[in-house]
Amino acid sequence: MTHPDHLVALLGASNKPERYAHKALTKLTENGYPVIPIHPTLKEVDGFTVLPNLEAIDKKIDTLTLYVGPARIEPMIESIVKLNPGRVIMNPGTESELLGAALKKAGIPYEQACTLVLLGTGQF
């Protein structure tokens, strides 16, 4: 099944196959989700053009899935809220109370979950 109308931004993209961010990129595309990988220095991952930051996104994002720790996320809170994704997934190790509070205040749904588990169980 494809989901061309559900655009996913993956913050913390990786070109290392053993990293969960890379596994998520692979599984999302295998499940038919269009993905925008984001990383400040990578230009390409597995044929995907990588954007350097959230501000470079010019499309409506349905899901923002996080693969960077709170220390890196917290300086981006304003950018995440401005992006106004349909929802945010805080994968294990990315949980941030400050981000959660900002998302709640902005009315942006979020969950502390694992993208890979959500995909594997049909709950994405």
N, C-alpha and C. Protein backbone atom coordinates (compact mmCIF):
# COMPACT_ATOMS: atom_id res chain seq x y z
N MET A 1 0.84 -1.18 0.00
CA MET A 1 0.00 0.00 0.00
C MET A 1 0.89 1.24 0.00
N THR A 2 0.52 2.20 -0.79
CA THR A 2 1.29 3.45 -0.82
C THR A 2 0.50 4.55 -0.12
N HIS A 3 1.22 5.52 0.36
CA HIS A 3 0.63 6.64 1.09
C HIS A 3 1.20 7.95 0.55
N PRO A 4 0.97 8.22 -0.74
CA PRO A 4 1.61 9.40 -1.35
C PRO A 4 1.17 10.73 -0.74
N ASP A 5 0.03 10.74 -0.05
CA ASP A 5 -0.47 11.99 0.52
C ASP A 5 -0.07 12.18 1.98
N HIS A 6 0.79 11.29 2.49
CA HIS A 6 1.24 11.39 3.89
C HIS A 6 2.75 11.61 3.89
N LEU A 7 3.14 12.89 3.90
CA LEU A 7 4.55 13.24 3.81
C LEU A 7 5.21 13.20 5.18
N VAL A 8 6.34 12.49 5.25
CA VAL A 8 7.07 12.32 6.50
C VAL A 8 8.42 13.04 6.41
N ALA A 9 8.73 13.84 7.43
CA ALA A 9 10.06 14.43 7.56
C ALA A 9 10.79 13.65 8.64
N LEU A 10 12.02 13.24 8.34
CA LEU A 10 12.83 12.46 9.26
C LEU A 10 14.02 13.31 9.71
N LEU A 11 13.94 13.82 10.94
CA LEU A 11 14.98 14.70 11.47
C LEU A 11 16.06 13.85 12.13
N GLY A 12 17.27 13.95 11.58
CA GLY A 12 18.39 13.15 12.09
C GLY A 12 18.72 12.00 11.17
N ALA A 13 18.53 12.20 9.88
CA ALA A 13 18.81 11.15 8.89
C ALA A 13 20.24 10.65 9.04
N SER A 14 20.45 9.39 8.64
CA SER A 14 21.78 8.79 8.73
C SER A 14 22.06 7.98 7.48
N ASN A 15 23.33 7.97 7.07
CA ASN A 15 23.74 7.14 5.94
C ASN A 15 24.37 5.83 6.42
N LYS A 16 24.26 5.55 7.71
CA LYS A 16 24.81 4.32 8.30
C LYS A 16 23.68 3.32 8.48
N PRO A 17 23.69 2.20 7.74
CA PRO A 17 22.59 1.23 7.77
C PRO A 17 22.26 0.67 9.16
N GLU A 18 23.22 0.68 10.08
CA GLU A 18 22.96 0.13 11.41
C GLU A 18 22.20 1.11 12.31
N ARG A 19 22.06 2.35 11.90
CA ARG A 19 21.38 3.36 12.73
C ARG A 19 19.87 3.27 12.55
N TYR A 20 19.14 3.51 13.63
CA TYR A 20 17.67 3.43 13.57
C TYR A 20 17.08 4.45 12.60
N ALA A 21 17.70 5.61 12.48
CA ALA A 21 17.21 6.61 11.54
C ALA A 21 17.26 6.07 10.10
N HIS A 22 18.32 5.34 9.78
CA HIS A 22 18.45 4.76 8.45
C HIS A 22 17.42 3.65 8.25
N LYS A 23 17.25 2.81 9.28
CA LYS A 23 16.25 1.74 9.22
C LYS A 23 14.84 2.32 9.02
N ALA A 24 14.56 3.44 9.69
CA ALA A 24 13.24 4.08 9.57
C ALA A 24 13.03 4.62 8.16
N LEU A 25 14.06 5.25 7.60
CA LEU A 25 13.96 5.76 6.23
C LEU A 25 13.62 4.61 5.27
N THR A 26 14.31 3.51 5.43
CA THR A 26 14.08 2.34 4.58
C THR A 26 12.67 1.80 4.75
N LYS A 27 12.24 1.61 6.00
CA LYS A 27 10.91 1.03 6.27
C LYS A 27 9.78 1.97 5.84
N LEU A 28 9.97 3.26 6.06
CA LEU A 28 8.94 4.21 5.61
C LEU A 28 8.76 4.13 4.10
N THR A 29 9.86 4.12 3.36
CA THR A 29 9.75 4.08 1.90
C THR A 29 9.22 2.73 1.43
N GLU A 30 9.63 1.64 2.10
CA GLU A 30 9.09 0.32 1.75
C GLU A 30 7.58 0.27 1.96
N ASN A 31 7.08 1.05 2.92
CA ASN A 31 5.65 1.09 3.21
C ASN A 31 4.91 2.17 2.42
N GLY A 32 5.60 2.79 1.46
CA GLY A 32 4.95 3.71 0.55
C GLY A 32 4.83 5.15 1.02
N TYR A 33 5.55 5.52 2.07
CA TYR A 33 5.51 6.90 2.54
C TYR A 33 6.60 7.73 1.87
N PRO A 34 6.25 8.88 1.32
CA PRO A 34 7.29 9.79 0.84
C PRO A 34 8.00 10.41 2.05
N VAL A 35 9.33 10.46 1.99
CA VAL A 35 10.12 10.91 3.13
C VAL A 35 11.08 12.02 2.72
N ILE A 36 11.18 13.02 3.58
CA ILE A 36 12.18 14.08 3.43
C ILE A 36 13.19 13.87 4.56
N PRO A 37 14.39 13.37 4.25
CA PRO A 37 15.41 13.24 5.29
C PRO A 37 16.07 14.60 5.57
N ILE A 38 16.39 14.82 6.86
CA ILE A 38 17.00 16.09 7.27
C ILE A 38 18.26 15.80 8.08
N HIS A 39 19.35 16.45 7.69
CA HIS A 39 20.63 16.34 8.40
C HIS A 39 21.46 17.55 7.99
N PRO A 40 22.17 18.17 8.94
CA PRO A 40 22.87 19.41 8.61
C PRO A 40 24.05 19.28 7.64
N THR A 41 24.64 18.08 7.51
CA THR A 41 25.82 17.97 6.63
C THR A 41 25.68 16.95 5.51
N LEU A 42 24.82 15.96 5.67
CA LEU A 42 24.64 14.97 4.60
C LEU A 42 23.90 15.61 3.42
N LYS A 43 24.29 15.26 2.22
CA LYS A 43 23.62 15.78 1.03
C LYS A 43 22.67 14.75 0.41
N GLU A 44 22.97 13.45 0.66
CA GLU A 44 22.21 12.38 0.02
C GLU A 44 22.30 11.13 0.88
N VAL A 45 21.20 10.38 0.95
CA VAL A 45 21.17 9.08 1.62
C VAL A 45 20.36 8.13 0.74
N ASP A 46 20.98 7.09 0.27
CA ASP A 46 20.29 6.06 -0.53
C ASP A 46 19.47 6.64 -1.67
N GLY A 47 19.99 7.65 -2.34
CA GLY A 47 19.30 8.25 -3.46
C GLY A 47 18.34 9.36 -3.09
N PHE A 48 18.14 9.60 -1.81
CA PHE A 48 17.27 10.69 -1.36
C PHE A 48 18.09 11.94 -1.15
N THR A 49 17.59 13.06 -1.63
CA THR A 49 18.20 14.35 -1.33
C THR A 49 17.91 14.68 0.12
N VAL A 50 18.93 15.06 0.86
CA VAL A 50 18.79 15.40 2.28
C VAL A 50 18.76 16.91 2.43
N LEU A 51 17.77 17.42 3.14
CA LEU A 51 17.70 18.85 3.42
C LEU A 51 18.52 19.16 4.67
N PRO A 52 19.10 20.37 4.74
CA PRO A 52 19.98 20.69 5.86
C PRO A 52 19.27 21.03 7.17
N ASN A 53 18.00 21.46 7.08
CA ASN A 53 17.29 21.87 8.29
C ASN A 53 15.79 21.93 8.01
N LEU A 54 15.02 22.13 9.06
CA LEU A 54 13.56 22.19 8.93
C LEU A 54 13.11 23.37 8.09
N GLU A 55 13.84 24.47 8.15
CA GLU A 55 13.47 25.67 7.39
C GLU A 55 13.51 25.45 5.88
N ALA A 56 14.25 24.44 5.43
CA ALA A 56 14.37 24.15 4.00
C ALA A 56 13.14 23.41 3.45
N ILE A 57 12.25 22.99 4.32
CA ILE A 57 11.05 22.27 3.89
C ILE A 57 10.01 23.28 3.43
N ASP A 58 9.48 23.05 2.23
CA ASP A 58 8.47 23.97 1.70
C ASP A 58 7.15 23.26 1.41
N LYS A 59 6.93 22.14 2.09
CA LYS A 59 5.69 21.37 1.91
C LYS A 59 5.04 21.14 3.27
N LYS A 60 3.77 20.80 3.26
CA LYS A 60 3.05 20.45 4.49
C LYS A 60 3.50 19.07 4.94
N ILE A 61 3.98 18.98 6.17
CA ILE A 61 4.46 17.72 6.72
C ILE A 61 3.35 17.10 7.57
N ASP A 62 3.02 15.84 7.27
CA ASP A 62 2.01 15.12 8.04
C ASP A 62 2.60 14.54 9.33
N THR A 63 3.81 13.97 9.23
CA THR A 63 4.48 13.41 10.40
C THR A 63 5.94 13.86 10.40
N LEU A 64 6.38 14.36 11.55
CA LEU A 64 7.79 14.64 11.79
C LEU A 64 8.27 13.59 12.77
N THR A 65 9.21 12.75 12.34
CA THR A 65 9.75 11.73 13.23
C THR A 65 11.17 12.11 13.61
N LEU A 66 11.45 12.05 14.90
CA LEU A 66 12.70 12.58 15.45
C LEU A 66 13.72 11.48 15.74
N TYR A 67 14.95 11.71 15.29
CA TYR A 67 16.06 10.80 15.55
C TYR A 67 17.29 11.57 16.02
N VAL A 68 17.08 12.61 16.80
CA VAL A 68 18.17 13.33 17.45
C VAL A 68 17.79 13.54 18.91
N GLY A 69 18.79 13.58 19.77
CA GLY A 69 18.55 13.69 21.20
C GLY A 69 18.04 15.06 21.62
N PRO A 70 17.53 15.15 22.85
CA PRO A 70 16.97 16.40 23.36
C PRO A 70 17.92 17.59 23.29
N ALA A 71 19.21 17.37 23.51
CA ALA A 71 20.16 18.49 23.47
C ALA A 71 20.19 19.14 22.09
N ARG A 72 19.97 18.36 21.05
CA ARG A 72 19.94 18.91 19.69
C ARG A 72 18.55 19.38 19.29
N ILE A 73 17.54 18.75 19.85
CA ILE A 73 16.16 19.12 19.51
C ILE A 73 15.78 20.46 20.12
N GLU A 74 16.16 20.67 21.37
CA GLU A 74 15.66 21.85 22.08
C GLU A 74 15.98 23.17 21.40
N PRO A 75 17.16 23.35 20.77
CA PRO A 75 17.38 24.60 20.02
C PRO A 75 16.49 24.71 18.76
N MET A 76 15.87 23.61 18.36
CA MET A 76 15.03 23.60 17.15
C MET A 76 13.54 23.68 17.47
N ILE A 77 13.18 23.83 18.74
CA ILE A 77 11.76 23.81 19.11
C ILE A 77 10.96 24.85 18.33
N GLU A 78 11.46 26.06 18.23
CA GLU A 78 10.73 27.10 17.49
C GLU A 78 10.54 26.70 16.03
N SER A 79 11.55 26.10 15.42
CA SER A 79 11.44 25.65 14.02
C SER A 79 10.44 24.52 13.87
N ILE A 80 10.41 23.61 14.85
CA ILE A 80 9.46 22.49 14.80
C ILE A 80 8.03 23.02 14.90
N VAL A 81 7.80 23.93 15.82
CA VAL A 81 6.46 24.50 15.98
C VAL A 81 6.07 25.29 14.72
N LYS A 82 6.99 26.04 14.17
CA LYS A 82 6.72 26.81 12.95
C LYS A 82 6.41 25.89 11.77
N LEU A 83 7.07 24.74 11.70
CA LEU A 83 6.80 23.76 10.64
C LEU A 83 5.35 23.28 10.72
N ASN A 84 4.82 23.21 11.95
CA ASN A 84 3.43 22.82 12.20
C ASN A 84 3.06 21.48 11.55
N PRO A 85 3.82 20.43 11.87
CA PRO A 85 3.48 19.12 11.30
C PRO A 85 2.16 18.60 11.87
N GLY A 86 1.57 17.67 11.16
CA GLY A 86 0.33 17.06 11.63
C GLY A 86 0.51 16.32 12.94
N ARG A 87 1.69 15.77 13.15
CA ARG A 87 2.04 15.12 14.41
C ARG A 87 3.56 14.98 14.48
N VAL A 88 4.04 14.76 15.69
CA VAL A 88 5.47 14.54 15.93
C VAL A 88 5.62 13.21 16.65
N ILE A 89 6.57 12.41 16.19
CA ILE A 89 6.91 11.16 16.88
C ILE A 89 8.27 11.34 17.53
N MET A 90 8.29 11.24 18.86
CA MET A 90 9.55 11.27 19.60
C MET A 90 9.98 9.82 19.79
N ASN A 91 10.92 9.39 18.98
CA ASN A 91 11.43 8.02 19.08
C ASN A 91 12.23 7.86 20.36
N PRO A 92 12.44 6.62 20.83
CA PRO A 92 13.19 6.40 22.06
C PRO A 92 14.53 7.14 22.04
N GLY A 93 14.79 7.87 23.12
CA GLY A 93 16.02 8.64 23.24
C GLY A 93 15.90 10.08 22.76
N THR A 94 14.75 10.43 22.18
CA THR A 94 14.56 11.80 21.68
C THR A 94 13.57 12.59 22.53
N GLU A 95 13.03 11.97 23.54
CA GLU A 95 11.99 12.59 24.35
C GLU A 95 12.49 13.89 24.97
N SER A 96 11.66 14.93 24.88
CA SER A 96 12.00 16.24 25.42
C SER A 96 10.75 16.84 26.06
N GLU A 97 10.82 17.10 27.36
CA GLU A 97 9.69 17.74 28.03
C GLU A 97 9.45 19.14 27.48
N LEU A 98 10.53 19.86 27.18
CA LEU A 98 10.38 21.21 26.63
C LEU A 98 9.67 21.18 25.28
N LEU A 99 10.06 20.24 24.41
CA LEU A 99 9.40 20.12 23.12
C LEU A 99 7.94 19.71 23.31
N GLY A 100 7.71 18.74 24.18
CA GLY A 100 6.33 18.31 24.44
C GLY A 100 5.45 19.47 24.89
N ALA A 101 5.97 20.30 25.78
CA ALA A 101 5.19 21.45 26.27
C ALA A 101 4.92 22.44 25.15
N ALA A 102 5.92 22.69 24.30
CA ALA A 102 5.75 23.63 23.19
C ALA A 102 4.74 23.09 22.17
N LEU A 103 4.81 21.79 21.89
CA LEU A 103 3.87 21.19 20.95
C LEU A 103 2.45 21.25 21.51
N LYS A 104 2.31 20.93 22.79
CA LYS A 104 0.98 20.98 23.41
C LYS A 104 0.41 22.39 23.34
N LYS A 105 1.23 23.38 23.66
CA LYS A 105 0.79 24.79 23.61
C LYS A 105 0.36 25.19 22.20
N ALA A 106 1.07 24.65 21.19
CA ALA A 106 0.76 24.98 19.79
C ALA A 106 -0.36 24.12 19.21
N GLY A 107 -0.82 23.14 19.98
CA GLY A 107 -1.90 22.27 19.49
C GLY A 107 -1.43 21.24 18.47
N ILE A 108 -0.15 20.89 18.53
CA ILE A 108 0.40 19.89 17.61
C ILE A 108 0.46 18.55 18.33
N PRO A 109 -0.24 17.54 17.83
CA PRO A 109 -0.21 16.24 18.48
C PRO A 109 1.18 15.61 18.42
N TYR A 110 1.52 14.88 19.48
CA TYR A 110 2.79 14.17 19.50
C TYR A 110 2.65 12.90 20.31
N GLU A 111 3.56 11.99 20.06
CA GLU A 111 3.58 10.75 20.84
C GLU A 111 5.01 10.30 21.04
N GLN A 112 5.24 9.67 22.17
CA GLN A 112 6.52 9.05 22.44
C GLN A 112 6.36 7.60 22.02
N ALA A 113 6.93 7.28 20.87
CA ALA A 113 6.74 5.96 20.27
C ALA A 113 7.93 5.66 19.37
N CYS A 114 7.93 4.49 18.79
CA CYS A 114 8.99 4.09 17.87
C CYS A 114 8.39 3.96 16.47
N THR A 115 8.89 4.73 15.55
CA THR A 115 8.41 4.69 14.17
C THR A 115 8.47 3.27 13.61
N LEU A 116 9.56 2.56 13.88
CA LEU A 116 9.71 1.20 13.36
C LEU A 116 8.64 0.26 13.92
N VAL A 117 8.34 0.38 15.21
CA VAL A 117 7.30 -0.45 15.82
C VAL A 117 5.93 -0.07 15.26
N LEU A 118 5.67 1.23 15.15
CA LEU A 118 4.38 1.68 14.60
C LEU A 118 4.18 1.13 13.18
N LEU A 119 5.23 1.17 12.37
CA LEU A 119 5.13 0.63 11.01
C LEU A 119 4.92 -0.88 11.04
N GLY A 120 5.68 -1.56 11.88
CA GLY A 120 5.62 -3.02 11.95
C GLY A 120 4.29 -3.55 12.46
N THR A 121 3.57 -2.73 13.22
CA THR A 121 2.30 -3.17 13.79
C THR A 121 1.10 -2.54 13.10
N GLY A 122 1.34 -1.82 11.99
CA GLY A 122 0.26 -1.21 11.25
C GLY A 122 -0.40 -0.03 11.94
N GLN A 123 0.31 0.62 12.88
CA GLN A 123 -0.26 1.73 13.63
C GLN A 123 0.30 3.09 13.20
N PHE A 124 1.14 3.11 12.17
CA PHE A 124 1.76 4.36 11.76
C PHE A 124 0.72 5.30 11.19
